[in-house]
Amino acid sequence: MKKLSLVFGLVLSATAATAQVKVEQPWTRATAPNAQNGAVFMALVNPAGGSADSLISAESKAAKVVELHNHIMDGNVMRMRKVDAIDIGAGATVKLEPMGFHVMLLGLNGQLKEGEAIDLTLVFAKAGRIAIKAPVMKAGATMPGGGMGHQSGGGHRHMHHAPPAKTN
């Protein structure tokens, strides 16, 4: 009887694990040798049957500080703003991409070089810690694989930091 309950418990654990958030196509851009900041992009997929979750933080040895950010329009100026969490609804996909949500690397510990990869740990409210590798694409890339897509390159060079959003 103990073996049966142990096997049943393992099956339940495996089922619960398959319903957690999945990270797809993580990537970052190459930076200049003296660049201070970088950003990491990806898709966060919460499979059908899973429950809502939130990305609440991220960690990487590639930078001194790692924050969650979003771009917002402030009048006629696009600004980056730190956010406390990125919500992923049940059965939803949230894209972290240039000019949207992203993981911000502040105070880079070294140049991000095309062809290399950085280690990043994402911390979710329910799914816990998920370690990933984000390949470094060419400078100015706007999509995984280093392509330029339909957006023009440039990214964070012309953005202004807004103060963190106030939460009540």
N, C-alpha and C. Protein backbone atom coordinates (compact mmCIF):
# COMPACT_ATOMS: atom_id res chain seq x y z
N MET A 1 0.83 -1.20 0.00
CA MET A 1 0.00 0.00 0.00
C MET A 1 0.87 1.25 0.00
N LYS A 2 2.00 1.20 0.72
CA LYS A 2 2.89 2.37 0.74
C LYS A 2 3.44 2.66 -0.66
N LYS A 3 3.80 1.59 -1.40
CA LYS A 3 4.32 1.78 -2.74
C LYS A 3 3.28 2.43 -3.65
N LEU A 4 2.04 2.00 -3.53
CA LEU A 4 0.98 2.55 -4.36
C LEU A 4 0.78 4.04 -4.07
N SER A 5 0.76 4.42 -2.81
CA SER A 5 0.57 5.84 -2.48
C SER A 5 1.78 6.66 -2.90
N LEU A 6 2.97 6.09 -2.83
CA LEU A 6 4.17 6.79 -3.27
C LEU A 6 4.11 7.05 -4.77
N VAL A 7 3.74 6.01 -5.53
CA VAL A 7 3.63 6.16 -6.99
C VAL A 7 2.55 7.18 -7.32
N PHE A 8 1.40 7.12 -6.66
CA PHE A 8 0.31 8.07 -6.89
C PHE A 8 0.78 9.50 -6.60
N GLY A 9 1.52 9.67 -5.51
CA GLY A 9 2.05 10.99 -5.15
C GLY A 9 3.01 11.51 -6.20
N LEU A 10 3.86 10.64 -6.76
CA LEU A 10 4.78 11.06 -7.81
C LEU A 10 4.04 11.45 -9.08
N VAL A 11 2.98 10.74 -9.42
CA VAL A 11 2.18 11.06 -10.59
C VAL A 11 1.52 12.43 -10.40
N LEU A 12 0.97 12.69 -9.22
CA LEU A 12 0.38 13.99 -8.94
C LEU A 12 1.42 15.10 -9.05
N SER A 13 2.61 14.87 -8.53
CA SER A 13 3.68 15.88 -8.61
C SER A 13 4.04 16.17 -10.06
N ALA A 14 4.15 15.13 -10.87
CA ALA A 14 4.50 15.31 -12.28
C ALA A 14 3.40 16.08 -13.00
N THR A 15 2.14 15.79 -12.68
CA THR A 15 1.03 16.50 -13.31
C THR A 15 1.04 17.97 -12.93
N ALA A 16 1.28 18.27 -11.65
CA ALA A 16 1.33 19.66 -11.20
C ALA A 16 2.48 20.39 -11.87
N ALA A 17 3.62 19.72 -12.04
CA ALA A 17 4.79 20.36 -12.64
C ALA A 17 4.54 20.72 -14.10
N THR A 18 3.75 19.89 -14.82
CA THR A 18 3.52 20.18 -16.23
C THR A 18 2.58 21.36 -16.43
N ALA A 19 1.85 21.75 -15.39
CA ALA A 19 0.90 22.85 -15.51
C ALA A 19 1.52 24.20 -15.11
N GLN A 20 2.82 24.22 -14.83
CA GLN A 20 3.43 25.49 -14.42
C GLN A 20 3.89 26.30 -15.63
N VAL A 21 4.24 27.54 -15.37
CA VAL A 21 4.70 28.45 -16.41
C VAL A 21 5.92 27.88 -17.12
N LYS A 22 5.94 28.06 -18.43
CA LYS A 22 7.10 27.65 -19.24
C LYS A 22 7.72 28.91 -19.84
N VAL A 23 9.04 28.90 -19.96
CA VAL A 23 9.77 30.01 -20.53
C VAL A 23 10.21 29.60 -21.93
N GLU A 24 9.83 30.39 -22.93
CA GLU A 24 10.17 30.08 -24.32
C GLU A 24 10.97 31.21 -24.95
N GLN A 25 11.92 30.84 -25.77
CA GLN A 25 12.74 31.75 -26.57
C GLN A 25 13.34 32.92 -25.79
N PRO A 26 14.05 32.65 -24.69
CA PRO A 26 14.73 33.76 -24.02
C PRO A 26 15.89 34.27 -24.90
N TRP A 27 16.16 35.57 -24.83
CA TRP A 27 17.27 36.15 -25.59
C TRP A 27 17.59 37.53 -25.04
N THR A 28 18.77 37.99 -25.40
CA THR A 28 19.22 39.33 -25.05
C THR A 28 20.04 39.87 -26.22
N ARG A 29 20.39 41.15 -26.15
CA ARG A 29 21.16 41.78 -27.21
C ARG A 29 22.62 41.96 -26.81
N ALA A 30 23.50 41.90 -27.79
CA ALA A 30 24.89 42.25 -27.56
C ALA A 30 24.99 43.72 -27.18
N THR A 31 25.96 44.04 -26.33
CA THR A 31 26.15 45.42 -25.90
C THR A 31 27.54 45.90 -26.28
N ALA A 32 27.71 47.20 -26.26
CA ALA A 32 29.03 47.80 -26.47
C ALA A 32 29.91 47.45 -25.26
N PRO A 33 31.24 47.49 -25.42
CA PRO A 33 32.12 47.12 -24.31
C PRO A 33 31.90 47.93 -23.03
N ASN A 34 31.50 49.18 -23.15
CA ASN A 34 31.33 50.03 -21.96
C ASN A 34 29.87 50.21 -21.55
N ALA A 35 28.96 49.44 -22.14
CA ALA A 35 27.54 49.58 -21.82
C ALA A 35 27.29 49.24 -20.36
N GLN A 36 26.39 49.99 -19.74
CA GLN A 36 26.06 49.78 -18.33
C GLN A 36 24.84 48.88 -18.16
N ASN A 37 23.93 48.84 -19.16
CA ASN A 37 22.67 48.14 -19.00
C ASN A 37 22.37 47.24 -20.19
N GLY A 38 21.51 46.27 -19.95
CA GLY A 38 21.02 45.37 -20.99
C GLY A 38 19.62 44.93 -20.62
N ALA A 39 19.00 44.15 -21.49
CA ALA A 39 17.65 43.66 -21.23
C ALA A 39 17.52 42.24 -21.75
N VAL A 40 16.63 41.47 -21.11
CA VAL A 40 16.38 40.09 -21.52
C VAL A 40 14.89 39.98 -21.87
N PHE A 41 14.62 39.26 -22.96
CA PHE A 41 13.28 39.10 -23.48
C PHE A 41 12.94 37.62 -23.58
N MET A 42 11.64 37.29 -23.63
CA MET A 42 11.19 35.89 -23.70
C MET A 42 9.68 35.86 -23.78
N ALA A 43 9.13 34.67 -23.88
CA ALA A 43 7.68 34.47 -23.74
C ALA A 43 7.45 33.63 -22.50
N LEU A 44 6.49 34.04 -21.68
CA LEU A 44 6.09 33.28 -20.50
C LEU A 44 4.75 32.64 -20.83
N VAL A 45 4.73 31.31 -20.88
CA VAL A 45 3.54 30.58 -21.30
C VAL A 45 2.96 29.85 -20.09
N ASN A 46 1.70 30.16 -19.79
CA ASN A 46 1.00 29.50 -18.70
C ASN A 46 -0.02 28.56 -19.35
N PRO A 47 0.27 27.26 -19.36
CA PRO A 47 -0.58 26.32 -20.10
C PRO A 47 -2.03 26.30 -19.61
N ALA A 48 -2.92 25.91 -20.51
CA ALA A 48 -4.31 25.74 -20.13
C ALA A 48 -4.37 24.71 -19.01
N GLY A 49 -5.21 24.95 -18.06
CA GLY A 49 -5.31 24.04 -16.92
C GLY A 49 -4.45 24.49 -15.75
N GLY A 50 -3.53 25.41 -16.02
CA GLY A 50 -2.71 25.95 -14.93
C GLY A 50 -3.46 27.08 -14.25
N SER A 51 -2.93 27.54 -13.14
CA SER A 51 -3.55 28.68 -12.46
C SER A 51 -2.71 29.92 -12.73
N ALA A 52 -3.32 31.09 -12.55
CA ALA A 52 -2.61 32.34 -12.77
C ALA A 52 -1.35 32.38 -11.91
N ASP A 53 -0.32 33.02 -12.42
CA ASP A 53 0.95 33.14 -11.70
C ASP A 53 1.51 34.52 -11.99
N SER A 54 2.60 34.87 -11.34
CA SER A 54 3.26 36.15 -11.56
C SER A 54 4.77 35.96 -11.51
N LEU A 55 5.47 36.61 -12.44
CA LEU A 55 6.92 36.72 -12.35
C LEU A 55 7.18 37.83 -11.35
N ILE A 56 7.85 37.52 -10.23
CA ILE A 56 8.02 38.52 -9.17
C ILE A 56 9.44 39.05 -9.06
N SER A 57 10.42 38.34 -9.63
CA SER A 57 11.78 38.87 -9.64
C SER A 57 12.64 38.02 -10.57
N ALA A 58 13.87 38.48 -10.77
CA ALA A 58 14.83 37.75 -11.58
C ALA A 58 16.22 38.01 -11.02
N GLU A 59 17.12 37.06 -11.26
CA GLU A 59 18.48 37.16 -10.74
C GLU A 59 19.47 36.74 -11.83
N SER A 60 20.61 37.42 -11.87
CA SER A 60 21.66 37.05 -12.81
C SER A 60 22.99 37.61 -12.33
N LYS A 61 24.03 36.83 -12.51
CA LYS A 61 25.38 37.31 -12.19
C LYS A 61 25.92 38.21 -13.29
N ALA A 62 25.14 38.38 -14.37
CA ALA A 62 25.58 39.24 -15.48
C ALA A 62 25.49 40.72 -15.12
N ALA A 63 24.72 41.05 -14.05
CA ALA A 63 24.54 42.46 -13.69
C ALA A 63 24.46 42.60 -12.17
N LYS A 64 24.76 43.81 -11.72
CA LYS A 64 24.69 44.10 -10.28
C LYS A 64 23.25 44.11 -9.77
N VAL A 65 22.32 44.61 -10.60
CA VAL A 65 20.90 44.69 -10.23
C VAL A 65 20.07 44.15 -11.38
N VAL A 66 19.05 43.35 -11.06
CA VAL A 66 18.14 42.82 -12.07
C VAL A 66 16.72 43.21 -11.64
N GLU A 67 15.99 43.89 -12.55
CA GLU A 67 14.65 44.37 -12.24
C GLU A 67 13.68 43.99 -13.35
N LEU A 68 12.40 43.99 -13.02
CA LEU A 68 11.35 43.82 -14.01
C LEU A 68 10.91 45.21 -14.45
N HIS A 69 10.80 45.43 -15.76
CA HIS A 69 10.46 46.74 -16.29
C HIS A 69 9.36 46.63 -17.34
N ASN A 70 8.74 47.77 -17.62
CA ASN A 70 7.79 47.91 -18.72
C ASN A 70 8.01 49.28 -19.34
N HIS A 71 7.60 49.44 -20.57
CA HIS A 71 7.63 50.74 -21.24
C HIS A 71 6.23 51.33 -21.18
N ILE A 72 6.14 52.62 -20.90
CA ILE A 72 4.86 53.31 -20.87
C ILE A 72 5.01 54.62 -21.63
N MET A 73 3.89 55.12 -22.15
CA MET A 73 3.90 56.44 -22.77
C MET A 73 3.65 57.48 -21.69
N ASP A 74 4.52 58.48 -21.61
CA ASP A 74 4.38 59.59 -20.67
C ASP A 74 4.33 60.84 -21.54
N GLY A 75 3.10 61.27 -21.90
CA GLY A 75 2.96 62.34 -22.88
C GLY A 75 3.40 61.81 -24.23
N ASN A 76 4.40 62.44 -24.83
CA ASN A 76 4.93 61.98 -26.12
C ASN A 76 6.23 61.21 -25.99
N VAL A 77 6.60 60.85 -24.76
CA VAL A 77 7.88 60.19 -24.53
C VAL A 77 7.65 58.78 -23.98
N MET A 78 8.32 57.80 -24.59
CA MET A 78 8.28 56.43 -24.09
C MET A 78 9.29 56.33 -22.96
N ARG A 79 8.84 55.85 -21.80
CA ARG A 79 9.71 55.72 -20.63
C ARG A 79 9.67 54.30 -20.09
N MET A 80 10.79 53.90 -19.50
CA MET A 80 10.82 52.63 -18.81
C MET A 80 10.42 52.85 -17.36
N ARG A 81 9.71 51.88 -16.82
CA ARG A 81 9.30 51.97 -15.43
C ARG A 81 9.44 50.60 -14.79
N LYS A 82 10.02 50.57 -13.60
CA LYS A 82 10.13 49.33 -12.83
C LYS A 82 8.73 48.89 -12.42
N VAL A 83 8.48 47.58 -12.50
CA VAL A 83 7.21 47.02 -12.04
C VAL A 83 7.50 45.98 -10.97
N ASP A 84 6.54 45.78 -10.07
CA ASP A 84 6.71 44.82 -8.97
C ASP A 84 6.53 43.39 -9.43
N ALA A 85 5.72 43.17 -10.45
CA ALA A 85 5.45 41.81 -10.93
C ALA A 85 4.90 41.88 -12.35
N ILE A 86 5.00 40.75 -13.05
CA ILE A 86 4.40 40.61 -14.37
C ILE A 86 3.43 39.43 -14.25
N ASP A 87 2.13 39.73 -14.37
CA ASP A 87 1.10 38.71 -14.20
C ASP A 87 0.94 37.88 -15.46
N ILE A 88 0.74 36.56 -15.26
CA ILE A 88 0.50 35.64 -16.36
C ILE A 88 -0.78 34.89 -16.03
N GLY A 89 -1.86 35.22 -16.69
CA GLY A 89 -3.15 34.60 -16.43
C GLY A 89 -3.15 33.12 -16.79
N ALA A 90 -4.11 32.40 -16.25
CA ALA A 90 -4.26 30.98 -16.56
C ALA A 90 -4.49 30.83 -18.07
N GLY A 91 -3.72 29.97 -18.71
CA GLY A 91 -3.86 29.74 -20.14
C GLY A 91 -3.35 30.87 -21.01
N ALA A 92 -2.64 31.83 -20.44
CA ALA A 92 -2.18 33.02 -21.19
C ALA A 92 -0.69 32.93 -21.53
N THR A 93 -0.28 33.71 -22.51
CA THR A 93 1.12 33.90 -22.86
C THR A 93 1.42 35.39 -22.75
N VAL A 94 2.48 35.73 -22.03
CA VAL A 94 2.92 37.12 -21.91
C VAL A 94 4.29 37.21 -22.57
N LYS A 95 4.39 38.11 -23.55
CA LYS A 95 5.66 38.29 -24.25
C LYS A 95 6.44 39.42 -23.60
N LEU A 96 7.68 39.12 -23.24
CA LEU A 96 8.62 40.14 -22.80
C LEU A 96 9.44 40.47 -24.03
N GLU A 97 9.29 41.70 -24.53
CA GLU A 97 9.89 42.06 -25.81
C GLU A 97 10.29 43.53 -25.80
N PRO A 98 11.14 43.92 -26.76
CA PRO A 98 11.52 45.33 -26.84
C PRO A 98 10.27 46.22 -26.89
N MET A 99 10.31 47.32 -26.16
CA MET A 99 9.23 48.30 -26.06
C MET A 99 8.04 47.78 -25.26
N GLY A 100 8.23 46.73 -24.47
CA GLY A 100 7.19 46.18 -23.62
C GLY A 100 7.81 45.72 -22.31
N PHE A 101 7.20 44.71 -21.69
CA PHE A 101 7.79 44.12 -20.49
C PHE A 101 9.15 43.52 -20.84
N HIS A 102 10.09 43.58 -19.89
CA HIS A 102 11.40 42.96 -20.07
C HIS A 102 12.08 42.82 -18.71
N VAL A 103 13.13 42.03 -18.68
CA VAL A 103 13.98 41.92 -17.50
C VAL A 103 15.17 42.84 -17.74
N MET A 104 15.34 43.82 -16.86
CA MET A 104 16.38 44.84 -17.04
C MET A 104 17.62 44.44 -16.26
N LEU A 105 18.77 44.49 -16.93
CA LEU A 105 20.07 44.22 -16.31
C LEU A 105 20.75 45.56 -16.09
N LEU A 106 20.90 45.97 -14.85
CA LEU A 106 21.49 47.28 -14.51
C LEU A 106 22.88 47.08 -13.91
N GLY A 107 23.84 47.80 -14.43
CA GLY A 107 25.21 47.66 -13.94
C GLY A 107 25.82 46.35 -14.42
N LEU A 108 25.91 46.20 -15.74
CA LEU A 108 26.47 44.96 -16.30
C LEU A 108 27.86 44.68 -15.74
N ASN A 109 28.12 43.42 -15.47
CA ASN A 109 29.43 43.00 -14.96
C ASN A 109 30.41 42.71 -16.09
N GLY A 110 29.97 42.85 -17.32
CA GLY A 110 30.82 42.63 -18.48
C GLY A 110 29.99 42.80 -19.74
N GLN A 111 30.66 42.89 -20.85
CA GLN A 111 29.99 43.06 -22.14
C GLN A 111 29.17 41.82 -22.47
N LEU A 112 27.98 42.01 -23.01
CA LEU A 112 27.17 40.90 -23.53
C LEU A 112 27.59 40.72 -24.98
N LYS A 113 28.20 39.57 -25.29
CA LYS A 113 28.79 39.35 -26.61
C LYS A 113 27.95 38.39 -27.44
N GLU A 114 27.69 38.79 -28.69
CA GLU A 114 26.92 37.96 -29.61
C GLU A 114 27.50 36.55 -29.66
N GLY A 115 26.62 35.56 -29.64
CA GLY A 115 27.04 34.17 -29.70
C GLY A 115 27.22 33.52 -28.33
N GLU A 116 27.29 34.34 -27.28
CA GLU A 116 27.39 33.80 -25.93
C GLU A 116 25.98 33.68 -25.34
N ALA A 117 25.88 33.34 -24.07
CA ALA A 117 24.60 33.25 -23.38
C ALA A 117 24.80 33.69 -21.94
N ILE A 118 23.74 34.21 -21.33
CA ILE A 118 23.82 34.56 -19.92
C ILE A 118 22.85 33.67 -19.13
N ASP A 119 23.22 33.39 -17.90
CA ASP A 119 22.36 32.63 -17.00
C ASP A 119 21.43 33.60 -16.29
N LEU A 120 20.18 33.21 -16.14
CA LEU A 120 19.17 34.03 -15.50
C LEU A 120 18.24 33.11 -14.72
N THR A 121 17.88 33.49 -13.51
CA THR A 121 16.89 32.74 -12.75
C THR A 121 15.66 33.62 -12.59
N LEU A 122 14.53 33.09 -13.02
CA LEU A 122 13.25 33.79 -12.89
C LEU A 122 12.55 33.26 -11.66
N VAL A 123 11.95 34.15 -10.88
CA VAL A 123 11.27 33.73 -9.65
C VAL A 123 9.78 34.04 -9.82
N PHE A 124 8.97 32.99 -9.76
CA PHE A 124 7.52 33.11 -9.90
C PHE A 124 6.85 32.92 -8.55
N ALA A 125 5.70 33.55 -8.37
CA ALA A 125 4.96 33.44 -7.11
C ALA A 125 4.56 32.00 -6.83
N LYS A 126 4.13 31.26 -7.85
CA LYS A 126 3.68 29.88 -7.65
C LYS A 126 4.66 28.85 -8.21
N ALA A 127 5.17 29.08 -9.39
CA ALA A 127 6.04 28.10 -10.05
C ALA A 127 7.43 28.05 -9.41
N GLY A 128 7.77 29.05 -8.59
CA GLY A 128 9.08 29.07 -7.95
C GLY A 128 10.17 29.56 -8.88
N ARG A 129 11.36 28.99 -8.70
CA ARG A 129 12.55 29.44 -9.44
C ARG A 129 12.73 28.59 -10.70
N ILE A 130 12.94 29.28 -11.82
CA ILE A 130 13.21 28.59 -13.08
C ILE A 130 14.50 29.19 -13.65
N ALA A 131 15.53 28.35 -13.79
CA ALA A 131 16.82 28.79 -14.34
C ALA A 131 16.79 28.64 -15.85
N ILE A 132 17.26 29.68 -16.55
CA ILE A 132 17.31 29.66 -18.01
C ILE A 132 18.64 30.19 -18.50
N LYS A 133 18.92 29.96 -19.77
CA LYS A 133 20.05 30.59 -20.46
C LYS A 133 19.47 31.44 -21.58
N ALA A 134 19.90 32.69 -21.65
CA ALA A 134 19.44 33.59 -22.69
C ALA A 134 20.57 33.82 -23.68
N PRO A 135 20.44 33.33 -24.91
CA PRO A 135 21.46 33.57 -25.93
C PRO A 135 21.57 35.06 -26.24
N VAL A 136 22.79 35.50 -26.51
CA VAL A 136 23.04 36.91 -26.85
C VAL A 136 22.99 37.04 -28.37
N MET A 137 22.02 37.83 -28.84
CA MET A 137 21.85 38.09 -30.27
C MET A 137 22.63 39.34 -30.65
N LYS A 138 22.64 39.67 -31.94
CA LYS A 138 23.39 40.84 -32.39
C LYS A 138 22.80 42.12 -31.80
N ALA A 139 23.61 43.15 -31.68
CA ALA A 139 23.16 44.45 -31.18
C ALA A 139 22.03 44.95 -32.07
N GLY A 140 21.00 45.51 -31.47
CA GLY A 140 19.88 46.05 -32.22
C GLY A 140 18.82 45.04 -32.59
N ALA A 141 19.02 43.76 -32.27
CA ALA A 141 18.01 42.74 -32.60
C ALA A 141 16.69 43.09 -31.91
N THR A 142 15.58 42.77 -32.56
CA THR A 142 14.28 43.05 -31.98
C THR A 142 13.44 41.79 -31.81
N MET A 143 14.03 40.63 -32.12
CA MET A 143 13.31 39.38 -31.98
C MET A 143 14.29 38.24 -31.77
N PRO A 144 13.82 37.08 -31.25
CA PRO A 144 14.72 35.94 -31.07
C PRO A 144 15.38 35.58 -32.39
N GLY A 145 16.58 35.11 -32.34
CA GLY A 145 17.31 34.77 -33.55
C GLY A 145 18.09 35.94 -34.11
N GLY A 146 17.96 37.11 -33.48
CA GLY A 146 18.76 38.26 -33.87
C GLY A 146 18.18 39.08 -35.00
N GLY A 147 16.96 38.75 -35.45
CA GLY A 147 16.35 39.48 -36.56
C GLY A 147 15.91 40.87 -36.17
N MET A 148 15.65 41.67 -37.17
CA MET A 148 15.24 43.05 -36.93
C MET A 148 13.73 43.19 -36.89
N GLY A 149 12.98 42.19 -37.38
CA GLY A 149 11.52 42.26 -37.32
C GLY A 149 10.99 43.52 -37.99
N HIS A 150 9.86 44.03 -37.50
CA HIS A 150 9.26 45.22 -38.10
C HIS A 150 9.61 46.48 -37.33
N GLN A 151 10.31 46.33 -36.20
CA GLN A 151 10.68 47.50 -35.41
C GLN A 151 12.07 47.95 -35.80
N SER A 152 12.35 49.21 -35.58
CA SER A 152 13.72 49.68 -35.79
C SER A 152 14.53 49.36 -34.55
N GLY A 153 15.81 49.15 -34.69
CA GLY A 153 16.67 48.85 -33.55
C GLY A 153 16.83 50.07 -32.66
N GLY A 154 17.65 49.96 -31.66
CA GLY A 154 17.90 51.11 -30.79
C GLY A 154 17.63 50.78 -29.36
N GLY A 155 16.50 50.17 -29.09
CA GLY A 155 16.21 49.71 -27.75
C GLY A 155 16.29 50.79 -26.70
N HIS A 156 17.15 50.59 -25.72
CA HIS A 156 17.18 51.42 -24.53
C HIS A 156 18.03 52.69 -24.66
N ARG A 157 18.69 52.88 -25.77
CA ARG A 157 19.58 54.04 -25.87
C ARG A 157 18.85 55.36 -25.76
N HIS A 158 17.60 55.44 -26.24
CA HIS A 158 16.90 56.70 -26.27
C HIS A 158 15.75 56.76 -25.26
N MET A 159 15.76 55.85 -24.33
CA MET A 159 14.68 55.80 -23.36
C MET A 159 15.05 56.58 -22.11
N HIS A 160 14.07 57.11 -21.44
CA HIS A 160 14.26 57.82 -20.18
C HIS A 160 13.66 56.99 -19.07
N HIS A 161 14.35 56.90 -17.95
CA HIS A 161 13.81 56.17 -16.82
C HIS A 161 12.81 57.02 -16.09
N ALA A 162 11.65 56.46 -15.82
CA ALA A 162 10.63 57.12 -15.00
C ALA A 162 10.77 56.59 -13.58
N PRO A 163 10.32 57.34 -12.60
CA PRO A 163 10.37 56.82 -11.23
C PRO A 163 9.51 55.57 -11.12
N PRO A 164 9.83 54.68 -10.17
CA PRO A 164 9.03 53.46 -10.01
C PRO A 164 7.55 53.79 -9.79
N ALA A 165 6.70 52.92 -10.33
CA ALA A 165 5.26 53.11 -10.15
C ALA A 165 4.90 52.98 -8.69
N LYS A 166 4.02 53.84 -8.23
CA LYS A 166 3.58 53.78 -6.85
C LYS A 166 2.45 52.76 -6.74
N THR A 167 2.52 51.93 -5.72
CA THR A 167 1.46 50.97 -5.50
C THR A 167 0.77 51.31 -4.21
N ASN A 168 -0.53 51.24 -4.22
CA ASN A 168 -1.31 51.56 -3.03
C ASN A 168 -1.83 50.32 -2.38
